[in-house]
Amino acid sequence: MLPPVLLDIAAALIGAGVLISVINNRIGSVSIGLGSATMGVVLLSNVPQGWEMVALGFFGIAVLAGLWMISVGFKQAGDNS
């Protein structure tokens, strides 16, 4: 089980990403993605017995969406068009 303080960090990353995206959408996307992936991993580490499949589907999507946002942010950073 991962420490619950990581959820606070994830919330701060998501909130900062929303604010930063007004100025720089690349950094905002990466920050929101990091927060989403962190949140999904922390919640997957603390699942009640019998809910593993439901949690994997629900929180797994949060992890995948976070990783996708990070990759989009880094792809845009290398795109100079």
N, C-alpha and C. Protein backbone atom coordinates (compact mmCIF):
# COMPACT_ATOMS: atom_id res chain seq x y z
N MET A 1 0.85 -1.18 0.00
CA MET A 1 0.00 0.00 0.00
C MET A 1 0.89 1.25 0.00
N LEU A 2 0.65 2.10 -0.93
CA LEU A 2 1.40 3.36 -1.02
C LEU A 2 0.81 4.38 -0.05
N PRO A 3 1.63 5.31 0.42
CA PRO A 3 1.12 6.30 1.39
C PRO A 3 0.07 7.22 0.78
N PRO A 4 -0.97 7.54 1.54
CA PRO A 4 -2.05 8.39 1.03
C PRO A 4 -1.61 9.83 0.73
N VAL A 5 -0.46 10.25 1.25
CA VAL A 5 0.00 11.61 0.96
C VAL A 5 0.28 11.78 -0.54
N LEU A 6 0.49 10.67 -1.23
CA LEU A 6 0.69 10.76 -2.68
C LEU A 6 -0.57 11.24 -3.40
N LEU A 7 -1.74 11.00 -2.79
CA LEU A 7 -2.98 11.53 -3.38
C LEU A 7 -3.01 13.05 -3.30
N ASP A 8 -2.47 13.60 -2.22
CA ASP A 8 -2.38 15.06 -2.10
C ASP A 8 -1.42 15.63 -3.16
N ILE A 9 -0.33 14.93 -3.37
CA ILE A 9 0.63 15.35 -4.39
C ILE A 9 0.00 15.27 -5.78
N ALA A 10 -0.75 14.19 -6.02
CA ALA A 10 -1.43 14.03 -7.31
C ALA A 10 -2.44 15.16 -7.53
N ALA A 11 -3.19 15.51 -6.49
CA ALA A 11 -4.17 16.59 -6.60
C ALA A 11 -3.47 17.92 -6.87
N ALA A 12 -2.33 18.14 -6.22
CA ALA A 12 -1.57 19.37 -6.45
C ALA A 12 -1.04 19.42 -7.87
N LEU A 13 -0.57 18.29 -8.40
CA LEU A 13 -0.08 18.24 -9.78
C LEU A 13 -1.20 18.53 -10.78
N ILE A 14 -2.36 17.95 -10.53
CA ILE A 14 -3.50 18.18 -11.44
C ILE A 14 -3.93 19.65 -11.37
N GLY A 15 -4.05 20.18 -10.17
CA GLY A 15 -4.44 21.59 -10.02
C GLY A 15 -3.43 22.54 -10.64
N ALA A 16 -2.16 22.27 -10.39
CA ALA A 16 -1.11 23.11 -10.99
C ALA A 16 -1.13 22.99 -12.50
N GLY A 17 -1.39 21.79 -13.00
CA GLY A 17 -1.44 21.60 -14.44
C GLY A 17 -2.56 22.39 -15.10
N VAL A 18 -3.71 22.44 -14.42
CA VAL A 18 -4.83 23.23 -14.96
C VAL A 18 -4.45 24.71 -15.01
N LEU A 19 -3.82 25.20 -13.96
CA LEU A 19 -3.42 26.62 -13.94
C LEU A 19 -2.30 26.89 -14.94
N ILE A 20 -1.33 26.00 -15.03
CA ILE A 20 -0.20 26.19 -15.94
C ILE A 20 -0.63 26.09 -17.40
N SER A 21 -1.65 25.29 -17.69
CA SER A 21 -2.06 25.09 -19.08
C SER A 21 -2.55 26.39 -19.73
N VAL A 22 -2.93 27.37 -18.93
CA VAL A 22 -3.32 28.66 -19.48
C VAL A 22 -2.10 29.36 -20.09
N ILE A 23 -0.95 29.15 -19.47
CA ILE A 23 0.29 29.79 -19.93
C ILE A 23 1.03 28.90 -20.92
N ASN A 24 1.19 27.61 -20.58
CA ASN A 24 1.95 26.69 -21.42
C ASN A 24 1.24 25.35 -21.42
N ASN A 25 0.59 25.02 -22.54
CA ASN A 25 -0.22 23.81 -22.58
C ASN A 25 0.60 22.53 -22.52
N ARG A 26 1.86 22.56 -22.94
CA ARG A 26 2.70 21.37 -22.90
C ARG A 26 3.02 20.98 -21.46
N ILE A 27 3.49 21.93 -20.70
CA ILE A 27 3.83 21.65 -19.29
C ILE A 27 2.56 21.32 -18.51
N GLY A 28 1.47 21.99 -18.81
CA GLY A 28 0.20 21.69 -18.15
C GLY A 28 -0.27 20.28 -18.42
N SER A 29 -0.13 19.83 -19.66
CA SER A 29 -0.52 18.47 -20.02
C SER A 29 0.32 17.43 -19.28
N VAL A 30 1.62 17.68 -19.20
CA VAL A 30 2.50 16.74 -18.50
C VAL A 30 2.17 16.72 -17.01
N SER A 31 1.90 17.88 -16.41
CA SER A 31 1.58 17.94 -14.99
C SER A 31 0.26 17.23 -14.68
N ILE A 32 -0.75 17.45 -15.49
CA ILE A 32 -2.04 16.77 -15.29
C ILE A 32 -1.87 15.27 -15.49
N GLY A 33 -1.09 14.88 -16.48
CA GLY A 33 -0.84 13.46 -16.71
C GLY A 33 -0.11 12.80 -15.56
N LEU A 34 0.90 13.48 -15.02
CA LEU A 34 1.62 12.94 -13.86
C LEU A 34 0.68 12.77 -12.67
N GLY A 35 -0.17 13.75 -12.45
CA GLY A 35 -1.13 13.66 -11.35
C GLY A 35 -2.13 12.54 -11.54
N SER A 36 -2.63 12.37 -12.75
CA SER A 36 -3.60 11.31 -13.02
C SER A 36 -2.98 9.93 -12.88
N ALA A 37 -1.77 9.76 -13.41
CA ALA A 37 -1.10 8.46 -13.31
C ALA A 37 -0.77 8.14 -11.85
N THR A 38 -0.31 9.14 -11.11
CA THR A 38 0.00 8.93 -9.69
C THR A 38 -1.25 8.55 -8.92
N MET A 39 -2.34 9.25 -9.18
CA MET A 39 -3.60 8.96 -8.50
C MET A 39 -4.05 7.53 -8.79
N GLY A 40 -3.98 7.12 -10.05
CA GLY A 40 -4.40 5.77 -10.40
C GLY A 40 -3.55 4.70 -9.74
N VAL A 41 -2.24 4.90 -9.71
CA VAL A 41 -1.35 3.91 -9.09
C VAL A 41 -1.60 3.81 -7.59
N VAL A 42 -1.77 4.96 -6.93
CA VAL A 42 -2.01 4.94 -5.49
C VAL A 42 -3.33 4.24 -5.18
N LEU A 43 -4.36 4.53 -5.93
CA LEU A 43 -5.65 3.91 -5.67
C LEU A 43 -5.65 2.42 -6.01
N LEU A 44 -4.87 2.03 -7.02
CA LEU A 44 -4.76 0.60 -7.33
C LEU A 44 -4.02 -0.17 -6.24
N SER A 45 -3.17 0.52 -5.50
CA SER A 45 -2.42 -0.16 -4.45
C SER A 45 -3.25 -0.42 -3.19
N ASN A 46 -4.45 0.15 -3.12
CA ASN A 46 -5.28 0.02 -1.92
C ASN A 46 -6.70 -0.36 -2.31
N VAL A 47 -6.86 -1.56 -2.82
CA VAL A 47 -8.17 -2.01 -3.30
C VAL A 47 -8.70 -3.09 -2.35
N PRO A 48 -9.96 -2.97 -1.92
CA PRO A 48 -10.54 -4.01 -1.06
C PRO A 48 -10.64 -5.35 -1.80
N GLN A 49 -10.56 -6.41 -1.03
CA GLN A 49 -10.62 -7.74 -1.61
C GLN A 49 -11.98 -7.94 -2.29
N GLY A 50 -11.92 -8.47 -3.48
CA GLY A 50 -13.13 -8.71 -4.26
C GLY A 50 -13.42 -7.63 -5.29
N TRP A 51 -12.74 -6.50 -5.21
CA TRP A 51 -12.96 -5.39 -6.14
C TRP A 51 -11.79 -5.19 -7.09
N GLU A 52 -10.92 -6.18 -7.19
CA GLU A 52 -9.71 -6.02 -7.99
C GLU A 52 -10.01 -5.74 -9.46
N MET A 53 -10.93 -6.47 -10.04
CA MET A 53 -11.23 -6.30 -11.48
C MET A 53 -11.88 -4.94 -11.76
N VAL A 54 -12.80 -4.54 -10.90
CA VAL A 54 -13.46 -3.24 -11.07
C VAL A 54 -12.43 -2.12 -10.93
N ALA A 55 -11.58 -2.22 -9.92
CA ALA A 55 -10.56 -1.20 -9.70
C ALA A 55 -9.56 -1.16 -10.84
N LEU A 56 -9.17 -2.32 -11.34
CA LEU A 56 -8.22 -2.36 -12.45
C LEU A 56 -8.81 -1.68 -13.68
N GLY A 57 -10.08 -1.91 -13.94
CA GLY A 57 -10.72 -1.26 -15.08
C GLY A 57 -10.84 0.24 -14.88
N PHE A 58 -11.28 0.65 -13.72
CA PHE A 58 -11.54 2.07 -13.47
C PHE A 58 -10.26 2.87 -13.27
N PHE A 59 -9.42 2.43 -12.35
CA PHE A 59 -8.19 3.17 -12.06
C PHE A 59 -7.12 2.92 -13.10
N GLY A 60 -7.20 1.77 -13.77
CA GLY A 60 -6.27 1.50 -14.87
C GLY A 60 -6.46 2.49 -16.01
N ILE A 61 -7.71 2.88 -16.26
CA ILE A 61 -7.98 3.89 -17.28
C ILE A 61 -7.37 5.22 -16.87
N ALA A 62 -7.40 5.56 -15.59
CA ALA A 62 -6.79 6.81 -15.12
C ALA A 62 -5.28 6.78 -15.35
N VAL A 63 -4.65 5.64 -15.09
CA VAL A 63 -3.21 5.52 -15.31
C VAL A 63 -2.90 5.65 -16.80
N LEU A 64 -3.65 4.94 -17.64
CA LEU A 64 -3.41 5.02 -19.09
C LEU A 64 -3.65 6.42 -19.63
N ALA A 65 -4.70 7.08 -19.16
CA ALA A 65 -4.97 8.45 -19.62
C ALA A 65 -3.86 9.39 -19.17
N GLY A 66 -3.36 9.21 -17.96
CA GLY A 66 -2.25 10.03 -17.48
C GLY A 66 -0.99 9.83 -18.30
N LEU A 67 -0.67 8.57 -18.59
CA LEU A 67 0.51 8.30 -19.41
C LEU A 67 0.35 8.85 -20.82
N TRP A 68 -0.87 8.78 -21.35
CA TRP A 68 -1.13 9.34 -22.68
C TRP A 68 -0.93 10.86 -22.67
N MET A 69 -1.41 11.53 -21.62
CA MET A 69 -1.24 12.99 -21.53
C MET A 69 0.23 13.37 -21.42
N ILE A 70 1.00 12.58 -20.68
CA ILE A 70 2.43 12.84 -20.58
C ILE A 70 3.09 12.69 -21.94
N SER A 71 2.72 11.63 -22.68
CA SER A 71 3.33 11.43 -24.00
C SER A 71 2.94 12.53 -24.97
N VAL A 72 1.71 13.00 -24.89
CA VAL A 72 1.28 14.11 -25.76
C VAL A 72 2.06 15.37 -25.42
N GLY A 73 2.25 15.64 -24.15
CA GLY A 73 3.01 16.82 -23.74
C GLY A 73 4.45 16.77 -24.23
N PHE A 74 5.07 15.60 -24.16
CA PHE A 74 6.44 15.49 -24.63
C PHE A 74 6.53 15.50 -26.15
N LYS A 75 5.53 14.93 -26.84
CA LYS A 75 5.51 14.97 -28.30
C LYS A 75 5.38 16.39 -28.79
N GLN A 76 4.53 17.17 -28.16
CA GLN A 76 4.35 18.56 -28.55
C GLN A 76 5.61 19.36 -28.30
N ALA A 77 6.36 19.01 -27.27
CA ALA A 77 7.58 19.74 -26.95
C ALA A 77 8.61 19.58 -28.05
N GLY A 78 8.62 18.45 -28.73
CA GLY A 78 9.58 18.21 -29.80
C GLY A 78 9.08 18.69 -31.15
N ASP A 79 7.82 19.04 -31.25
CA ASP A 79 7.23 19.47 -32.52
C ASP A 79 7.45 20.96 -32.70
N ASN A 80 8.16 21.36 -33.74
CA ASN A 80 8.45 22.77 -33.97
C ASN A 80 7.64 23.38 -35.11
N SER A 81 6.55 22.73 -35.49
CA SER A 81 5.76 23.28 -36.61
C SER A 81 4.70 24.23 -36.16
